[in-house]
């Protein structure tokens, strides 16, 4: 039995209330530009990202050391210095 004959045989077994849905799906398959049955062949070789960022990322020597806690007074001073630096940059522009 060919595939077409098998499809016609299966069509005869579909209940009437599902025929409109089946016809809609068959039209979709007919008009679909991409074959759903076969995946597209991969284009080219998959890109290996191992080492892609070599010499582009820097990690501090003390990266694994615990961070020092900053007091609220020191934090406030750092913010003020940062704000002053921003004002200087804006004035220079």
PDB file of N, CA and C in Angstrom:
ATOM      1  N   UNK A   1       0.850  -1.175   0.000  1.00  0.00           N
ATOM      2  CA  UNK A   1       0.000   0.000   0.000  1.00  0.00           C
ATOM      3  C   UNK A   1       0.901   1.246   0.000  1.00  0.00           C
ATOM      4  N   UNK A   2       0.631   2.176  -0.897  1.00  0.00           N
ATOM      5  CA  UNK A   2       1.427   3.398  -0.972  1.00  0.00           C
ATOM      6  C   UNK A   2       0.983   4.356   0.132  1.00  0.00           C
ATOM      7  N   UNK A   3       1.781   5.389   0.342  1.00  0.00           N
ATOM      8  CA  UNK A   3       1.428   6.382   1.359  1.00  0.00           C
ATOM      9  C   UNK A   3       0.117   7.079   1.023  1.00  0.00           C
ATOM     10  N   UNK A   4      -0.097   7.374  -0.256  1.00  0.00           N
ATOM     11  CA  UNK A   4      -1.340   8.041  -0.662  1.00  0.00           C
ATOM     12  C   UNK A   4      -2.547   7.150  -0.372  1.00  0.00           C
ATOM     13  N   UNK A   5      -2.434   5.882  -0.687  1.00  0.00           N
ATOM     14  CA  UNK A   5      -3.531   4.940  -0.423  1.00  0.00           C
ATOM     15  C   UNK A   5      -3.782   4.815   1.081  1.00  0.00           C
ATOM     16  N   UNK A   6      -2.700   4.786   1.846  1.00  0.00           N
ATOM     17  CA  UNK A   6      -2.840   4.713   3.302  1.00  0.00           C
ATOM     18  C   UNK A   6      -3.513   5.969   3.853  1.00  0.00           C
ATOM     19  N   UNK A   7      -3.157   7.144   3.295  1.00  0.00           N
ATOM     20  CA  UNK A   7      -3.778   8.397   3.731  1.00  0.00           C
ATOM     21  C   UNK A   7      -5.269   8.407   3.397  1.00  0.00           C
ATOM     22  N   UNK A   8      -5.633   7.929   2.209  1.00  0.00           N
ATOM     23  CA  UNK A   8      -7.047   7.880   1.830  1.00  0.00           C
ATOM     24  C   UNK A   8      -7.802   6.912   2.731  1.00  0.00           C
ATOM     25  N   UNK A   9      -7.193   5.804   3.048  1.00  0.00           N
ATOM     26  CA  UNK A   9      -7.818   4.835   3.942  1.00  0.00           C
ATOM     27  C   UNK A   9      -8.022   5.442   5.339  1.00  0.00           C
ATOM     28  N   UNK A  10      -7.022   6.158   5.832  1.00  0.00           N
ATOM     29  CA  UNK A  10      -7.139   6.804   7.137  1.00  0.00           C
ATOM     30  C   UNK A  10      -8.184   7.907   7.096  1.00  0.00           C
ATOM     31  N   UNK A  11      -8.291   8.609   5.972  1.00  0.00           N
ATOM     32  CA  UNK A  11      -9.293   9.671   5.813  1.00  0.00           C
ATOM     33  C   UNK A  11     -10.704   9.117   5.935  1.00  0.00           C
ATOM     34  N   UNK A  12     -10.925   7.937   5.417  1.00  0.00           N
ATOM     35  CA  UNK A  12     -12.253   7.317   5.486  1.00  0.00           C
ATOM     36  C   UNK A  12     -12.641   6.966   6.920  1.00  0.00           C
ATOM     37  N   UNK A  13     -11.659   6.812   7.802  1.00  0.00           N
ATOM     38  CA  UNK A  13     -11.931   6.458   9.187  1.00  0.00           C
ATOM     39  C   UNK A  13     -12.112   7.668  10.096  1.00  0.00           C
ATOM     40  N   UNK A  14     -11.840   8.878   9.583  1.00  0.00           N
ATOM     41  CA  UNK A  14     -11.972  10.085  10.397  1.00  0.00           C
ATOM     42  C   UNK A  14     -13.449  10.413  10.560  1.00  0.00           C
ATOM     43  N   UNK A  15     -13.901  10.700  11.799  1.00  0.00           N
ATOM     44  CA  UNK A  15     -15.304  11.059  12.005  1.00  0.00           C
ATOM     45  C   UNK A  15     -15.649  12.374  11.296  1.00  0.00           C
ATOM     46  N   UNK A  16     -16.904  12.513  10.891  1.00  0.00           N
ATOM     47  CA  UNK A  16     -17.344  13.685  10.127  1.00  0.00           C
ATOM     48  C   UNK A  16     -17.085  15.006  10.860  1.00  0.00           C
ATOM     49  N   UNK A  17     -17.234  15.016  12.190  1.00  0.00           N
ATOM     50  CA  UNK A  17     -17.086  16.274  12.911  1.00  0.00           C
ATOM     51  C   UNK A  17     -15.630  16.760  12.954  1.00  0.00           C
ATOM     52  N   UNK A  18     -14.673  15.906  12.573  1.00  0.00           N
ATOM     53  CA  UNK A  18     -13.264  16.313  12.546  1.00  0.00           C
ATOM     54  C   UNK A  18     -12.754  16.594  11.132  1.00  0.00           C
ATOM     55  N   UNK A  19     -13.605  16.451  10.124  1.00  0.00           N
ATOM     56  CA  UNK A  19     -13.155  16.621   8.747  1.00  0.00           C
ATOM     57  C   UNK A  19     -12.708  18.051   8.453  1.00  0.00           C
ATOM     58  N   UNK A  20     -13.442  19.057   8.963  1.00  0.00           N
ATOM     59  CA  UNK A  20     -13.056  20.441   8.671  1.00  0.00           C
ATOM     60  C   UNK A  20     -11.677  20.748   9.265  1.00  0.00           C
ATOM     61  N   UNK A  21     -11.407  20.228  10.467  1.00  0.00           N
ATOM     62  CA  UNK A  21     -10.093  20.426  11.085  1.00  0.00           C
ATOM     63  C   UNK A  21      -9.006  19.723  10.272  1.00  0.00           C
ATOM     64  N   UNK A  22      -9.293  18.551   9.793  1.00  0.00           N
ATOM     65  CA  UNK A  22      -8.332  17.794   8.994  1.00  0.00           C
ATOM     66  C   UNK A  22      -8.043  18.511   7.679  1.00  0.00           C
ATOM     67  N   UNK A  23      -9.077  19.020   7.022  1.00  0.00           N
ATOM     68  CA  UNK A  23      -8.899  19.746   5.761  1.00  0.00           C
ATOM     69  C   UNK A  23      -8.053  20.997   5.993  1.00  0.00           C
ATOM     70  N   UNK A  24      -8.326  21.701   7.084  1.00  0.00           N
ATOM     71  CA  UNK A  24      -7.550  22.895   7.408  1.00  0.00           C
ATOM     72  C   UNK A  24      -6.074  22.528   7.586  1.00  0.00           C
ATOM     73  N   UNK A  25      -5.782  21.441   8.282  1.00  0.00           N
ATOM     74  CA  UNK A  25      -4.403  21.013   8.504  1.00  0.00           C
ATOM     75  C   UNK A  25      -3.748  20.564   7.199  1.00  0.00           C
ATOM     76  N   UNK A  26      -4.487  19.881   6.351  1.00  0.00           N
ATOM     77  CA  UNK A  26      -3.930  19.434   5.074  1.00  0.00           C
ATOM     78  C   UNK A  26      -3.577  20.631   4.194  1.00  0.00           C
ATOM     79  N   UNK A  27      -4.418  21.664   4.196  1.00  0.00           N
ATOM     80  CA  UNK A  27      -4.113  22.879   3.423  1.00  0.00           C
ATOM     81  C   UNK A  27      -2.875  23.569   3.993  1.00  0.00           C
ATOM     82  N   UNK A  28      -2.755  23.572   5.315  1.00  0.00           N
ATOM     83  CA  UNK A  28      -1.570  24.148   5.948  1.00  0.00           C
ATOM     84  C   UNK A  28      -0.320  23.421   5.486  1.00  0.00           C
ATOM     85  N   UNK A  29      -0.356  22.088   5.502  1.00  0.00           N
ATOM     86  CA  UNK A  29       0.810  21.312   5.071  1.00  0.00           C
ATOM     87  C   UNK A  29       1.135  21.551   3.602  1.00  0.00           C
ATOM     88  N   UNK A  30       0.110  21.696   2.780  1.00  0.00           N
ATOM     89  CA  UNK A  30       0.319  21.929   1.360  1.00  0.00           C
ATOM     90  C   UNK A  30       0.991  23.283   1.115  1.00  0.00           C
ATOM     91  N   UNK A  31       0.543  24.313   1.852  1.00  0.00           N
ATOM     92  CA  UNK A  31       1.027  25.675   1.617  1.00  0.00           C
ATOM     93  C   UNK A  31       2.251  26.049   2.438  1.00  0.00           C
ATOM     94  N   UNK A  32       2.647  25.202   3.386  1.00  0.00           N
ATOM     95  CA  UNK A  32       3.766  25.516   4.256  1.00  0.00           C
ATOM     96  C   UNK A  32       5.073  25.503   3.458  1.00  0.00           C
ATOM     97  N   UNK A  33       5.849  26.616   3.511  1.00  0.00           N
ATOM     98  CA  UNK A  33       7.081  26.654   2.724  1.00  0.00           C
ATOM     99  C   UNK A  33       8.201  25.779   3.290  1.00  0.00           C
ATOM    100  N   UNK A  34       8.107  25.419   4.554  1.00  0.00           N
ATOM    101  CA  UNK A  34       9.150  24.626   5.201  1.00  0.00           C
ATOM    102  C   UNK A  34       8.646  23.210   5.391  1.00  0.00           C
ATOM    103  N   UNK A  35       9.482  22.259   5.124  1.00  0.00           N
ATOM    104  CA  UNK A  35       9.120  20.868   5.343  1.00  0.00           C
ATOM    105  C   UNK A  35       9.162  20.571   6.835  1.00  0.00           C
ATOM    106  N   UNK A  36       8.052  20.136   7.382  1.00  0.00           N
ATOM    107  CA  UNK A  36       7.989  19.854   8.811  1.00  0.00           C
ATOM    108  C   UNK A  36       8.550  18.480   9.144  1.00  0.00           C
ATOM    109  N   UNK A  37       8.643  17.618   8.155  1.00  0.00           N
ATOM    110  CA  UNK A  37       9.098  16.263   8.402  1.00  0.00           C
ATOM    111  C   UNK A  37      10.600  16.122   8.516  1.00  0.00           C
ATOM    112  N   UNK A  38      11.346  16.969   7.814  1.00  0.00           N
ATOM    113  CA  UNK A  38      12.801  16.852   7.814  1.00  0.00           C
ATOM    114  C   UNK A  38      13.427  18.129   8.351  1.00  0.00           C
ATOM    115  N   UNK A  39      14.254  18.020   9.357  1.00  0.00           N
ATOM    116  CA  UNK A  39      14.930  19.231   9.849  1.00  0.00           C
ATOM    117  C   UNK A  39      15.936  19.727   8.821  1.00  0.00           C
ATOM    118  N   UNK A  40      16.129  21.043   8.812  1.00  0.00           N
ATOM    119  CA  UNK A  40      17.103  21.627   7.898  1.00  0.00           C
ATOM    120  C   UNK A  40      18.509  21.190   8.293  1.00  0.00           C
ATOM    121  N   UNK A  41      19.358  21.059   7.301  1.00  0.00           N
ATOM    122  CA  UNK A  41      20.748  20.701   7.576  1.00  0.00           C
ATOM    123  C   UNK A  41      21.423  21.883   8.261  1.00  0.00           C
ATOM    124  N   UNK A  42      22.234  21.633   9.265  1.00  0.00           N
ATOM    125  CA  UNK A  42      22.939  22.739   9.913  1.00  0.00           C
ATOM    126  C   UNK A  42      23.864  23.429   8.926  1.00  0.00           C
ATOM    127  N   UNK A  43      23.894  24.738   9.017  1.00  0.00           N
ATOM    128  CA  UNK A  43      24.734  25.517   8.115  1.00  0.00           C
ATOM    129  C   UNK A  43      26.112  25.682   8.731  1.00  0.00           C
ATOM    130  N   UNK A  44      27.073  25.121   8.101  1.00  0.00           N
ATOM    131  CA  UNK A  44      28.445  25.253   8.583  1.00  0.00           C
ATOM    132  C   UNK A  44      28.694  24.455   9.850  1.00  0.00           C
ATOM    133  N   UNK A  45      29.844  24.674  10.392  1.00  0.00           N
ATOM    134  CA  UNK A  45      30.262  23.979  11.600  1.00  0.00           C
ATOM    135  C   UNK A  45      29.803  24.748  12.822  1.00  0.00           C
ATOM    136  N   UNK A  46      29.311  24.078  13.873  1.00  0.00           N
ATOM    137  CA  UNK A  46      28.924  24.817  15.075  1.00  0.00           C
ATOM    138  C   UNK A  46      30.126  25.556  15.649  1.00  0.00           C
ATOM    139  N   UNK A  47      29.892  26.762  16.093  1.00  0.00           N
ATOM    140  CA  UNK A  47      30.983  27.597  16.580  1.00  0.00           C
ATOM    141  C   UNK A  47      31.379  27.179  17.992  1.00  0.00           C
ATOM    142  N   UNK A  48      32.647  26.969  18.173  1.00  0.00           N
ATOM    143  CA  UNK A  48      33.172  26.615  19.477  1.00  0.00           C
ATOM    144  C   UNK A  48      33.552  27.902  20.201  1.00  0.00           C
ATOM    145  N   UNK A  49      32.949  28.153  21.358  1.00  0.00           N
ATOM    146  CA  UNK A  49      33.193  29.387  22.086  1.00  0.00           C
ATOM    147  C   UNK A  49      34.298  29.253  23.130  1.00  0.00           C
ATOM    148  N   UNK A  50      34.901  28.081  23.236  1.00  0.00           N
ATOM    149  CA  UNK A  50      35.961  27.897  24.224  1.00  0.00           C
ATOM    150  C   UNK A  50      37.136  28.802  23.881  1.00  0.00           C
ATOM    151  N   UNK A  51      37.471  29.684  24.787  1.00  0.00           N
ATOM    152  CA  UNK A  51      38.588  30.592  24.581  1.00  0.00           C
ATOM    153  C   UNK A  51      38.229  31.842  23.793  1.00  0.00           C
ATOM    154  N   UNK A  52      36.954  32.060  23.518  1.00  0.00           N
ATOM    155  CA  UNK A  52      36.548  33.221  22.717  1.00  0.00           C
ATOM    156  C   UNK A  52      36.845  34.538  23.421  1.00  0.00           C
ATOM    157  N   UNK A  53      36.857  34.541  24.746  1.00  0.00           N
ATOM    158  CA  UNK A  53      37.086  35.775  25.494  1.00  0.00           C
ATOM    159  C   UNK A  53      38.476  35.831  26.121  1.00  0.00           C
ATOM    160  N   UNK A  54      39.383  35.021  25.620  1.00  0.00           N
ATOM    161  CA  UNK A  54      40.739  35.015  26.157  1.00  0.00           C
ATOM    162  C   UNK A  54      41.361  36.400  25.973  1.00  0.00           C
ATOM    163  N   UNK A  55      42.023  36.884  27.011  1.00  0.00           N
ATOM    164  CA  UNK A  55      42.687  38.197  27.034  1.00  0.00           C
ATOM    165  C   UNK A  55      41.715  39.363  26.909  1.00  0.00           C
ATOM    166  N   UNK A  56      40.412  39.122  27.089  1.00  0.00           N
ATOM    167  CA  UNK A  56      39.431  40.203  27.029  1.00  0.00           C
ATOM    168  C   UNK A  56      38.775  40.448  28.385  1.00  0.00           C
ATOM    169  N   UNK A  57      38.991  39.529  29.311  1.00  0.00           N
ATOM    170  CA  UNK A  57      38.406  39.657  30.643  1.00  0.00           C
ATOM    171  C   UNK A  57      39.530  39.646  31.653  1.00  0.00           C
ATOM    172  N   UNK A  58      39.442  40.547  32.620  1.00  0.00           N
ATOM    173  CA  UNK A  58      40.461  40.638  33.651  1.00  0.00           C
ATOM    174  C   UNK A  58      39.820  40.335  34.999  1.00  0.00           C
ATOM    175  N   UNK A  59      40.474  39.519  35.797  1.00  0.00           N
ATOM    176  CA  UNK A  59      40.003  39.180  37.134  1.00  0.00           C
ATOM    177  C   UNK A  59      41.097  39.583  38.112  1.00  0.00           C
ATOM    178  N   UNK A  60      40.698  40.307  39.146  1.00  0.00           N
ATOM    179  CA  UNK A  60      41.660  40.773  40.145  1.00  0.00           C
ATOM    180  C   UNK A  60      42.307  39.584  40.860  1.00  0.00           C
ATOM    181  N   UNK A  61      43.528  39.791  41.310  1.00  0.00           N
ATOM    182  CA  UNK A  61      44.252  38.730  42.017  1.00  0.00           C
ATOM    183  C   UNK A  61      43.557  38.332  43.314  1.00  0.00           C
ATOM    184  N   UNK A  62      42.898  39.299  43.952  1.00  0.00           N
ATOM    185  CA  UNK A  62      42.229  39.018  45.221  1.00  0.00           C
ATOM    186  C   UNK A  62      40.733  38.732  45.036  1.00  0.00           C
ATOM    187  N   UNK A  63      40.365  38.203  43.896  1.00  0.00           N
ATOM    188  CA  UNK A  63      38.956  37.950  43.576  1.00  0.00           C
ATOM    189  C   UNK A  63      38.274  37.056  44.615  1.00  0.00           C
ATOM    190  N   UNK A  64      38.964  36.034  45.078  1.00  0.00           N
ATOM    191  CA  UNK A  64      38.379  35.081  46.018  1.00  0.00           C
ATOM    192  C   UNK A  64      38.437  35.538  47.471  1.00  0.00           C
ATOM    193  N   UNK A  65      39.107  36.640  47.741  1.00  0.00           N
ATOM    194  CA  UNK A  65      39.214  37.141  49.109  1.00  0.00           C
ATOM    195  C   UNK A  65      37.877  37.761  49.534  1.00  0.00           C
ATOM    196  N   UNK A  66      37.569  37.693  50.836  1.00  0.00           N
ATOM    197  CA  UNK A  66      36.313  38.309  51.301  1.00  0.00           C
ATOM    198  C   UNK A  66      36.359  39.827  51.129  1.00  0.00           C
ATOM    199  N   UNK A  67      35.224  40.399  50.822  1.00  0.00           N
ATOM    200  CA  UNK A  67      35.134  41.843  50.638  1.00  0.00           C
ATOM    201  C   UNK A  67      35.214  42.552  51.977  1.00  0.00           C
ATOM    202  N   UNK A  68      35.804  43.723  51.964  1.00  0.00           N
ATOM    203  CA  UNK A  68      35.888  44.518  53.180  1.00  0.00           C
ATOM    204  C   UNK A  68      34.573  45.264  53.364  1.00  0.00           C
ATOM    205  N   UNK A  69      34.137  45.341  54.609  1.00  0.00           N
ATOM    206  CA  UNK A  69      32.918  46.081  54.890  1.00  0.00           C
ATOM    207  C   UNK A  69      33.228  47.566  54.928  1.00  0.00           C
ATOM    208  N   UNK A  70      32.332  48.362  54.371  1.00  0.00           N
ATOM    209  CA  UNK A  70      32.510  49.809  54.323  1.00  0.00           C
ATOM    210  C   UNK A  70      31.520  50.424  55.294  1.00  0.00           C
ATOM    211  N   UNK A  71      31.994  51.326  56.137  1.00  0.00           N
ATOM    212  CA  UNK A  71      31.102  51.982  57.089  1.00  0.00           C
ATOM    213  C   UNK A  71      30.218  52.983  56.341  1.00  0.00           C
ATOM    214  N   UNK A  72      29.128  53.359  56.959  1.00  0.00           N
ATOM    215  CA  UNK A  72      28.205  54.299  56.320  1.00  0.00           C
ATOM    216  C   UNK A  72      28.880  55.650  56.094  1.00  0.00           C
ATOM    217  N   UNK A  73      29.784  56.046  56.993  1.00  0.00           N
ATOM    218  CA  UNK A  73      30.502  57.307  56.828  1.00  0.00           C
ATOM    219  C   UNK A  73      31.398  57.248  55.584  1.00  0.00           C
ATOM    220  N   UNK A  74      32.140  56.133  55.412  1.00  0.00           N
ATOM    221  CA  UNK A  74      33.010  55.985  54.248  1.00  0.00           C
ATOM    222  C   UNK A  74      32.182  55.932  52.962  1.00  0.00           C
ATOM    223  N   UNK A  75      31.041  55.268  53.028  1.00  0.00           N
ATOM    224  CA  UNK A  75      30.167  55.180  51.864  1.00  0.00           C
ATOM    225  C   UNK A  75      29.660  56.560  51.461  1.00  0.00           C
ATOM    226  N   UNK A  76      29.274  57.362  52.446  1.00  0.00           N
ATOM    227  CA  UNK A  76      28.802  58.723  52.185  1.00  0.00           C
ATOM    228  C   UNK A  76      29.910  59.560  51.539  1.00  0.00           C
ATOM    229  N   UNK A  77      31.142  59.431  52.032  1.00  0.00           N
ATOM    230  CA  UNK A  77      32.271  60.167  51.465  1.00  0.00           C
ATOM    231  C   UNK A  77      32.533  59.749  50.018  1.00  0.00           C
ATOM    232  N   UNK A  78      32.439  58.464  49.751  1.00  0.00           N
ATOM    233  CA  UNK A  78      32.641  57.974  48.385  1.00  0.00           C
ATOM    234  C   UNK A  78      31.571  58.523  47.433  1.00  0.00           C
ATOM    235  N   UNK A  79      30.326  58.567  47.916  1.00  0.00           N
ATOM    236  CA  UNK A  79      29.251  59.114  47.089  1.00  0.00           C
ATOM    237  C   UNK A  79      29.469  60.594  46.799  1.00  0.00           C
ATOM    238  N   UNK A  80      29.903  61.338  47.799  1.00  0.00           N
ATOM    239  CA  UNK A  80      30.153  62.767  47.599  1.00  0.00           C
ATOM    240  C   UNK A  80      31.269  62.985  46.582  1.00  0.00           C
ATOM    241  N   UNK A  81      32.336  62.198  46.681  1.00  0.00           N
ATOM    242  CA  UNK A  81      33.434  62.314  45.722  1.00  0.00           C
ATOM    243  C   UNK A  81      32.947  61.999  44.310  1.00  0.00           C
ATOM    244  N   UNK A  82      32.104  60.977  44.205  1.00  0.00           N
ATOM    245  CA  UNK A  82      31.580  60.585  42.909  1.00  0.00           C
ATOM    246  C   UNK A  82      30.713  61.691  42.318  1.00  0.00           C
ATOM    247  N   UNK A  83      29.871  62.301  43.159  1.00  0.00           N
ATOM    248  CA  UNK A  83      29.006  63.382  42.688  1.00  0.00           C
ATOM    249  C   UNK A  83      29.837  64.582  42.242  1.00  0.00           C
ATOM    250  N   UNK A  84      30.882  64.909  42.993  1.00  0.00           N
ATOM    251  CA  UNK A  84      31.751  66.024  42.610  1.00  0.00           C
ATOM    252  C   UNK A  84      32.430  65.741  41.270  1.00  0.00           C
ATOM    253  N   UNK A  85      32.860  64.516  41.077  1.00  0.00           N
ATOM    254  CA  UNK A  85      33.508  64.147  39.818  1.00  0.00           C
ATOM    255  C   UNK A  85      32.529  64.274  38.652  1.00  0.00           C
ATOM    256  N   UNK A  86      31.271  63.900  38.871  1.00  0.00           N
ATOM    257  CA  UNK A  86      30.267  64.035  37.809  1.00  0.00           C
ATOM    258  C   UNK A  86      30.036  65.492  37.459  1.00  0.00           C
ATOM    259  N   UNK A  87      29.997  66.369  38.472  1.00  0.00           N
ATOM    260  CA  UNK A  87      29.792  67.806  38.217  1.00  0.00           C
ATOM    261  C   UNK A  87      30.970  68.371  37.430  1.00  0.00           C
ATOM    262  N   UNK A  88      32.176  67.940  37.741  1.00  0.00           N
ATOM    263  CA  UNK A  88      33.363  68.413  37.033  1.00  0.00           C
ATOM    264  C   UNK A  88      33.296  67.977  35.570  1.00  0.00           C
ATOM    265  N   UNK A  89      32.868  66.740  35.346  1.00  0.00           N
ATOM    266  CA  UNK A  89      32.763  66.238  33.972  1.00  0.00           C
ATOM    267  C   UNK A  89      31.719  67.017  33.193  1.00  0.00           C
ATOM    268  N   UNK A  90      30.565  67.291  33.810  1.00  0.00           N
ATOM    269  CA  UNK A  90      29.510  68.048  33.140  1.00  0.00           C
ATOM    270  C   UNK A  90      29.970  69.468  32.809  1.00  0.00           C
ATOM    271  N   UNK A  91      30.718  70.076  33.710  1.00  0.00           N
ATOM    272  CA  UNK A  91      31.211  71.431  33.478  1.00  0.00           C
ATOM    273  C   UNK A  91      32.234  71.458  32.337  1.00  0.00           C
ATOM    274  N   UNK A  92      33.004  70.396  32.220  1.00  0.00           N
ATOM    275  CA  UNK A  92      34.032  70.326  31.179  1.00  0.00           C
ATOM    276  C   UNK A  92      33.410  70.169  29.787  1.00  0.00           C
ATOM    277  N   UNK A  93      32.231  69.605  29.747  1.00  0.00           N
ATOM    278  CA  UNK A  93      31.575  69.382  28.455  1.00  0.00           C
ATOM    279  C   UNK A  93      30.985  70.660  27.997  1.00  0.00           C
TER     280      UNK A  93
END
